[in-house]
PDB file of N, CA and C in Angstrom:
ATOM      1  N   MET A   1      -4.112  -2.298 -12.582  1.00  0.00           N
ATOM      2  CA  MET A   1      -2.803  -2.319 -11.868  1.00  0.00           C
ATOM      3  C   MET A   1      -2.928  -3.131 -10.713  1.00  0.00           C
ATOM      4  N   ARG A   2      -1.848  -3.761 -10.271  1.00  0.00           N
ATOM      5  CA  ARG A   2      -1.737  -4.551  -9.079  1.00  0.00           C
ATOM      6  C   ARG A   2      -0.864  -4.043  -8.069  1.00  0.00           C
ATOM      7  N   ILE A   3      -1.142  -3.899  -6.898  1.00  0.00           N
ATOM      8  CA  ILE A   3      -0.504  -3.523  -5.714  1.00  0.00           C
ATOM      9  C   ILE A   3       0.469  -4.681  -5.108  1.00  0.00           C
ATOM     10  N   ILE A   4       1.699  -4.564  -4.816  1.00  0.00           N
ATOM     11  CA  ILE A   4       2.455  -5.506  -4.245  1.00  0.00           C
ATOM     12  C   ILE A   4       2.996  -4.977  -3.126  1.00  0.00           C
ATOM     13  N   VAL A   5       3.020  -5.756  -2.028  1.00  0.00           N
ATOM     14  CA  VAL A   5       3.714  -5.356  -0.593  1.00  0.00           C
ATOM     15  C   VAL A   5       4.658  -6.458  -0.324  1.00  0.00           C
ATOM     16  N   ASP A   6       5.935  -5.871  -0.116  1.00  0.00           N
ATOM     17  CA  ASP A   6       6.865  -6.831   0.521  1.00  0.00           C
ATOM     18  C   ASP A   6       6.751  -6.813   2.040  1.00  0.00           C
ATOM     19  N   PHE A   7       6.128  -7.768   2.553  1.00  0.00           N
ATOM     20  CA  PHE A   7       5.767  -7.778   3.854  1.00  0.00           C
ATOM     21  C   PHE A   7       7.070  -8.005   4.748  1.00  0.00           C
ATOM     22  N   ASP A   8       8.039  -8.598   4.119  1.00  0.00           N
ATOM     23  CA  ASP A   8       9.290  -8.658   4.885  1.00  0.00           C
ATOM     24  C   ASP A   8       9.994  -7.282   5.063  1.00  0.00           C
ATOM     25  N   ARG A   9       9.811  -6.347   4.206  1.00  0.00           N
ATOM     26  CA  ARG A   9      10.385  -5.055   4.323  1.00  0.00           C
ATOM     27  C   ARG A   9       9.498  -4.050   5.075  1.00  0.00           C
ATOM     28  N   CYS A  10       8.129  -4.391   5.097  1.00  0.00           N
ATOM     29  CA  CYS A  10       6.973  -3.518   5.711  1.00  0.00           C
ATOM     30  C   CYS A  10       7.345  -3.228   7.249  1.00  0.00           C
ATOM     31  N   ARG A  11       7.206  -2.251   7.778  1.00  0.00           N
ATOM     32  CA  ARG A  11       7.333  -1.971   9.279  1.00  0.00           C
ATOM     33  C   ARG A  11       6.034  -1.446   9.850  1.00  0.00           C
ATOM     34  N   SER A  12       4.964  -1.683   8.918  1.00  0.00           N
ATOM     35  CA  SER A  12       3.588  -1.031   9.351  1.00  0.00           C
ATOM     36  C   SER A  12       3.593   0.157  10.122  1.00  0.00           C
ATOM     37  N   ASN A  13       4.333   1.254   9.511  1.00  0.00           N
ATOM     38  CA  ASN A  13       4.391   2.631   9.982  1.00  0.00           C
ATOM     39  C   ASN A  13       3.208   3.328   9.777  1.00  0.00           C
ATOM     40  N   GLY A  14       2.441   3.050   8.736  1.00  0.00           N
ATOM     41  CA  GLY A  14       1.165   3.714   8.480  1.00  0.00           C
ATOM     42  C   GLY A  14       1.074   4.884   7.527  1.00  0.00           C
ATOM     43  N   VAL A  15       2.243   5.113   6.871  1.00  0.00           N
ATOM     44  CA  VAL A  15       2.231   6.263   5.851  1.00  0.00           C
ATOM     45  C   VAL A  15       1.410   5.806   4.785  1.00  0.00           C
ATOM     46  N   CYS A  16       1.396   4.682   4.171  1.00  0.00           N
ATOM     47  CA  CYS A  16       0.413   4.218   3.182  1.00  0.00           C
ATOM     48  C   CYS A  16      -0.940   4.390   3.547  1.00  0.00           C
ATOM     49  N   VAL A  17      -1.266   4.015   4.870  1.00  0.00           N
ATOM     50  CA  VAL A  17      -2.679   3.932   5.250  1.00  0.00           C
ATOM     51  C   VAL A  17      -3.200   5.443   5.233  1.00  0.00           C
ATOM     52  N   ASP A  18      -2.334   6.475   5.601  1.00  0.00           N
ATOM     53  CA  ASP A  18      -2.637   7.885   5.748  1.00  0.00           C
ATOM     54  C   ASP A  18      -2.893   8.349   4.126  1.00  0.00           C
ATOM     55  N   LEU A  19      -2.133   7.883   3.290  1.00  0.00           N
ATOM     56  CA  LEU A  19      -2.030   8.302   1.965  1.00  0.00           C
ATOM     57  C   LEU A  19      -3.342   7.543   1.111  1.00  0.00           C
ATOM     58  N   ALA A  20      -3.578   6.375   1.461  1.00  0.00           N
ATOM     59  CA  ALA A  20      -4.512   5.505   0.700  1.00  0.00           C
ATOM     60  C   ALA A  20      -5.317   4.578   1.508  1.00  0.00           C
ATOM     61  N   PRO A  21      -6.197   5.150   2.502  1.00  0.00           N
ATOM     62  CA  PRO A  21      -6.844   4.267   3.318  1.00  0.00           C
ATOM     63  C   PRO A  21      -7.891   3.409   2.532  1.00  0.00           C
ATOM     64  N   GLU A  22      -8.188   3.578   1.448  1.00  0.00           N
ATOM     65  CA  GLU A  22      -9.036   2.580   0.558  1.00  0.00           C
ATOM     66  C   GLU A  22      -8.402   1.288   0.209  1.00  0.00           C
ATOM     67  N   ILE A  23      -6.979   1.526   0.182  1.00  0.00           N
ATOM     68  CA  ILE A  23      -6.118   0.251  -0.245  1.00  0.00           C
ATOM     69  C   ILE A  23      -5.446  -0.458   0.889  1.00  0.00           C
ATOM     70  N   PHE A  24      -5.022   0.307   1.888  1.00  0.00           N
ATOM     71  CA  PHE A  24      -4.294  -0.192   3.021  1.00  0.00           C
ATOM     72  C   PHE A  24      -4.889  -0.013   4.360  1.00  0.00           C
ATOM     73  N   GLU A  25      -4.623  -0.946   5.295  1.00  0.00           N
ATOM     74  CA  GLU A  25      -5.201  -0.804   6.628  1.00  0.00           C
ATOM     75  C   GLU A  25      -4.324  -1.575   7.490  1.00  0.00           C
ATOM     76  N   ILE A  26      -4.098  -0.787   8.693  1.00  0.00           N
ATOM     77  CA  ILE A  26      -3.368  -1.489   9.876  1.00  0.00           C
ATOM     78  C   ILE A  26      -4.353  -1.840  10.922  1.00  0.00           C
ATOM     79  N   ARG A  27      -4.451  -3.253  11.114  1.00  0.00           N
ATOM     80  CA  ARG A  27      -5.471  -3.667  12.193  1.00  0.00           C
ATOM     81  C   ARG A  27      -5.026  -3.646  13.562  1.00  0.00           C
ATOM     82  N   ASN A  28      -5.796  -4.075  14.439  1.00  0.00           N
ATOM     83  CA  ASN A  28      -5.394  -4.139  15.892  1.00  0.00           C
ATOM     84  C   ASN A  28      -4.225  -4.894  16.196  1.00  0.00           C
ATOM     85  N   ASP A  29      -3.885  -5.862  15.361  1.00  0.00           N
ATOM     86  CA  ASP A  29      -2.709  -6.754  15.579  1.00  0.00           C
ATOM     87  C   ASP A  29      -1.518  -5.994  15.217  1.00  0.00           C
ATOM     88  N   GLY A  30      -1.490  -4.756  14.603  1.00  0.00           N
ATOM     89  CA  GLY A  30      -0.280  -3.788  14.394  1.00  0.00           C
ATOM     90  C   GLY A  30       0.173  -4.200  12.985  1.00  0.00           C
ATOM     91  N   TYR A  31      -0.430  -5.100  12.194  1.00  0.00           N
ATOM     92  CA  TYR A  31       0.126  -5.385  10.814  1.00  0.00           C
ATOM     93  C   TYR A  31      -0.639  -4.675   9.690  1.00  0.00           C
ATOM     94  N   LEU A  32       0.090  -4.543   8.720  1.00  0.00           N
ATOM     95  CA  LEU A  32      -0.545  -3.844   7.566  1.00  0.00           C
ATOM     96  C   LEU A  32      -1.280  -5.030   6.711  1.00  0.00           C
ATOM     97  N   TYR A  33      -2.496  -4.467   6.273  1.00  0.00           N
ATOM     98  CA  TYR A  33      -3.254  -5.332   5.412  1.00  0.00           C
ATOM     99  C   TYR A  33      -3.516  -4.689   3.977  1.00  0.00           C
ATOM    100  N   LEU A  34      -3.566  -5.472   3.044  1.00  0.00           N
ATOM    101  CA  LEU A  34      -3.937  -4.983   1.661  1.00  0.00           C
ATOM    102  C   LEU A  34      -5.301  -5.224   1.461  1.00  0.00           C
ATOM    103  N   LEU A  35      -5.962  -4.168   1.299  1.00  0.00           N
ATOM    104  CA  LEU A  35      -7.373  -4.264   1.126  1.00  0.00           C
ATOM    105  C   LEU A  35      -7.944  -4.562  -0.214  1.00  0.00           C
ATOM    106  N   LYS A  36      -7.092  -4.064  -1.149  1.00  0.00           N
ATOM    107  CA  LYS A  36      -7.316  -4.215  -2.703  1.00  0.00           C
ATOM    108  C   LYS A  36      -5.981  -4.595  -3.301  1.00  0.00           C
ATOM    109  N   GLU A  37      -5.921  -5.738  -3.984  1.00  0.00           N
ATOM    110  CA  GLU A  37      -4.761  -6.104  -4.756  1.00  0.00           C
ATOM    111  C   GLU A  37      -4.813  -5.393  -6.132  1.00  0.00           C
ATOM    112  N   GLU A  38      -5.900  -5.309  -6.641  1.00  0.00           N
ATOM    113  CA  GLU A  38      -6.156  -4.680  -8.015  1.00  0.00           C
ATOM    114  C   GLU A  38      -6.834  -3.309  -7.689  1.00  0.00           C
ATOM    115  N   VAL A  39      -6.145  -2.223  -8.441  1.00  0.00           N
ATOM    116  CA  VAL A  39      -6.655  -0.820  -8.213  1.00  0.00           C
ATOM    117  C   VAL A  39      -7.201  -0.330  -9.508  1.00  0.00           C
ATOM    118  N   SER A  40      -8.189   0.313  -9.435  1.00  0.00           N
ATOM    119  CA  SER A  40      -8.748   1.123 -10.658  1.00  0.00           C
ATOM    120  C   SER A  40      -7.869   2.127 -11.127  1.00  0.00           C
ATOM    121  N   ASP A  41      -8.103   2.805 -12.287  1.00  0.00           N
ATOM    122  CA  ASP A  41      -7.521   3.927 -12.736  1.00  0.00           C
ATOM    123  C   ASP A  41      -7.582   5.178 -11.813  1.00  0.00           C
ATOM    124  N   SER A  42      -8.813   5.331 -11.280  1.00  0.00           N
ATOM    125  CA  SER A  42      -9.007   6.409 -10.249  1.00  0.00           C
ATOM    126  C   SER A  42      -8.243   6.191  -8.986  1.00  0.00           C
ATOM    127  N   GLU A  43      -8.001   4.905  -8.523  1.00  0.00           N
ATOM    128  CA  GLU A  43      -7.241   4.690  -7.393  1.00  0.00           C
ATOM    129  C   GLU A  43      -5.751   4.727  -7.621  1.00  0.00           C
ATOM    130  N   LEU A  44      -5.345   4.665  -8.910  1.00  0.00           N
ATOM    131  CA  LEU A  44      -3.783   4.521  -9.086  1.00  0.00           C
ATOM    132  C   LEU A  44      -3.087   5.682  -8.416  1.00  0.00           C
ATOM    133  N   VAL A  45      -3.657   6.865  -8.511  1.00  0.00           N
ATOM    134  CA  VAL A  45      -2.810   8.019  -8.011  1.00  0.00           C
ATOM    135  C   VAL A  45      -2.474   7.887  -6.540  1.00  0.00           C
ATOM    136  N   LEU A  46      -3.477   7.402  -5.845  1.00  0.00           N
ATOM    137  CA  LEU A  46      -3.299   7.222  -4.373  1.00  0.00           C
ATOM    138  C   LEU A  46      -2.280   6.033  -4.273  1.00  0.00           C
ATOM    139  N   ALA A  47      -2.361   5.077  -4.968  1.00  0.00           N
ATOM    140  CA  ALA A  47      -1.412   3.933  -4.865  1.00  0.00           C
ATOM    141  C   ALA A  47       0.081   4.357  -5.157  1.00  0.00           C
ATOM    142  N   GLU A  48       0.222   5.297  -6.191  1.00  0.00           N
ATOM    143  CA  GLU A  48       1.372   5.801  -6.636  1.00  0.00           C
ATOM    144  C   GLU A  48       1.980   6.625  -5.398  1.00  0.00           C
ATOM    145  N   GLU A  49       1.178   7.418  -4.845  1.00  0.00           N
ATOM    146  CA  GLU A  49       1.619   8.269  -3.598  1.00  0.00           C
ATOM    147  C   GLU A  49       1.994   7.339  -2.361  1.00  0.00           C
ATOM    148  N   ALA A  50       1.422   6.268  -2.295  1.00  0.00           N
ATOM    149  CA  ALA A  50       1.868   5.168  -1.191  1.00  0.00           C
ATOM    150  C   ALA A  50       3.195   4.646  -1.548  1.00  0.00           C
ATOM    151  N   VAL A  51       3.298   4.418  -2.792  1.00  0.00           N
ATOM    152  CA  VAL A  51       4.644   3.889  -3.222  1.00  0.00           C
ATOM    153  C   VAL A  51       5.713   4.859  -2.926  1.00  0.00           C
ATOM    154  N   ASP A  52       5.463   6.096  -3.288  1.00  0.00           N
ATOM    155  CA  ASP A  52       6.480   7.104  -3.177  1.00  0.00           C
ATOM    156  C   ASP A  52       6.725   7.448  -1.568  1.00  0.00           C
ATOM    157  N   GLY A  53       5.689   7.326  -0.872  1.00  0.00           N
ATOM    158  CA  GLY A  53       5.668   7.683   0.547  1.00  0.00           C
ATOM    159  C   GLY A  53       6.249   6.712   1.409  1.00  0.00           C
ATOM    160  N   CYS A  54       6.315   5.453   0.993  1.00  0.00           N
ATOM    161  CA  CYS A  54       6.782   4.189   1.894  1.00  0.00           C
ATOM    162  C   CYS A  54       8.195   4.499   2.256  1.00  0.00           C
ATOM    163  N   PRO A  55       8.457   4.642   3.658  1.00  0.00           N
ATOM    164  CA  PRO A  55       9.811   4.780   4.002  1.00  0.00           C
ATOM    165  C   PRO A  55      10.762   3.469   3.804  1.00  0.00           C
ATOM    166  N   THR A  56      10.048   2.426   3.762  1.00  0.00           N
ATOM    167  CA  THR A  56      10.959   1.125   3.653  1.00  0.00           C
ATOM    168  C   THR A  56      10.977   0.689   2.303  1.00  0.00           C
ATOM    169  N   GLN A  57      10.338   1.360   1.253  1.00  0.00           N
ATOM    170  CA  GLN A  57      10.100   1.015  -0.163  1.00  0.00           C
ATOM    171  C   GLN A  57       9.550  -0.418  -0.372  1.00  0.00           C
ATOM    172  N   ALA A  58       8.540  -0.817   0.535  1.00  0.00           N
ATOM    173  CA  ALA A  58       8.037  -2.107   0.540  1.00  0.00           C
ATOM    174  C   ALA A  58       6.761  -2.313  -0.420  1.00  0.00           C
ATOM    175  N   ILE A  59       6.445  -1.145  -1.115  1.00  0.00           N
ATOM    176  CA  ILE A  59       5.112  -1.237  -1.868  1.00  0.00           C
ATOM    177  C   ILE A  59       5.678  -0.836  -3.284  1.00  0.00           C
ATOM    178  N   SER A  60       5.049  -1.675  -4.262  1.00  0.00           N
ATOM    179  CA  SER A  60       5.274  -1.458  -5.798  1.00  0.00           C
ATOM    180  C   SER A  60       4.008  -1.709  -6.416  1.00  0.00           C
ATOM    181  N   ILE A  61       3.993  -1.242  -7.610  1.00  0.00           N
ATOM    182  CA  ILE A  61       2.849  -1.438  -8.512  1.00  0.00           C
ATOM    183  C   ILE A  61       3.252  -2.236  -9.871  1.00  0.00           C
ATOM    184  N   SER A  62       2.495  -3.141 -10.256  1.00  0.00           N
ATOM    185  CA  SER A  62       2.775  -3.922 -11.417  1.00  0.00           C
ATOM    186  C   SER A  62       1.547  -3.898 -12.383  1.00  0.00           C
ATOM    187  N   ASP A  63       1.848  -3.867 -13.614  1.00  0.00           N
ATOM    188  CA  ASP A  63       0.737  -3.957 -14.580  1.00  0.00           C
ATOM    189  C   ASP A  63       0.350  -5.365 -15.080  1.00  0.00           C
ATOM    190  N   THR A  64       0.834  -6.365 -14.446  1.00  0.00           N
ATOM    191  CA  THR A  64       0.652  -7.738 -14.795  1.00  0.00           C
ATOM    192  C   THR A  64      -0.161  -8.277 -13.780  1.00  0.00           C
TER     193      THR A  64
END
């Protein structure tokens, strides 16, 4: 599964980092970084929680 972040919508509020720090990171510049574009089945639950928790709906998951 592939994680997609719409960086135009993202406000780097850190909810996704709190939920899935293995996948997302906010660096010293204040911007969100995607650490993994492809997630394993075991990481999918965390990725889904980040999608659901994102207040700006900037994160999605694709199976392609």
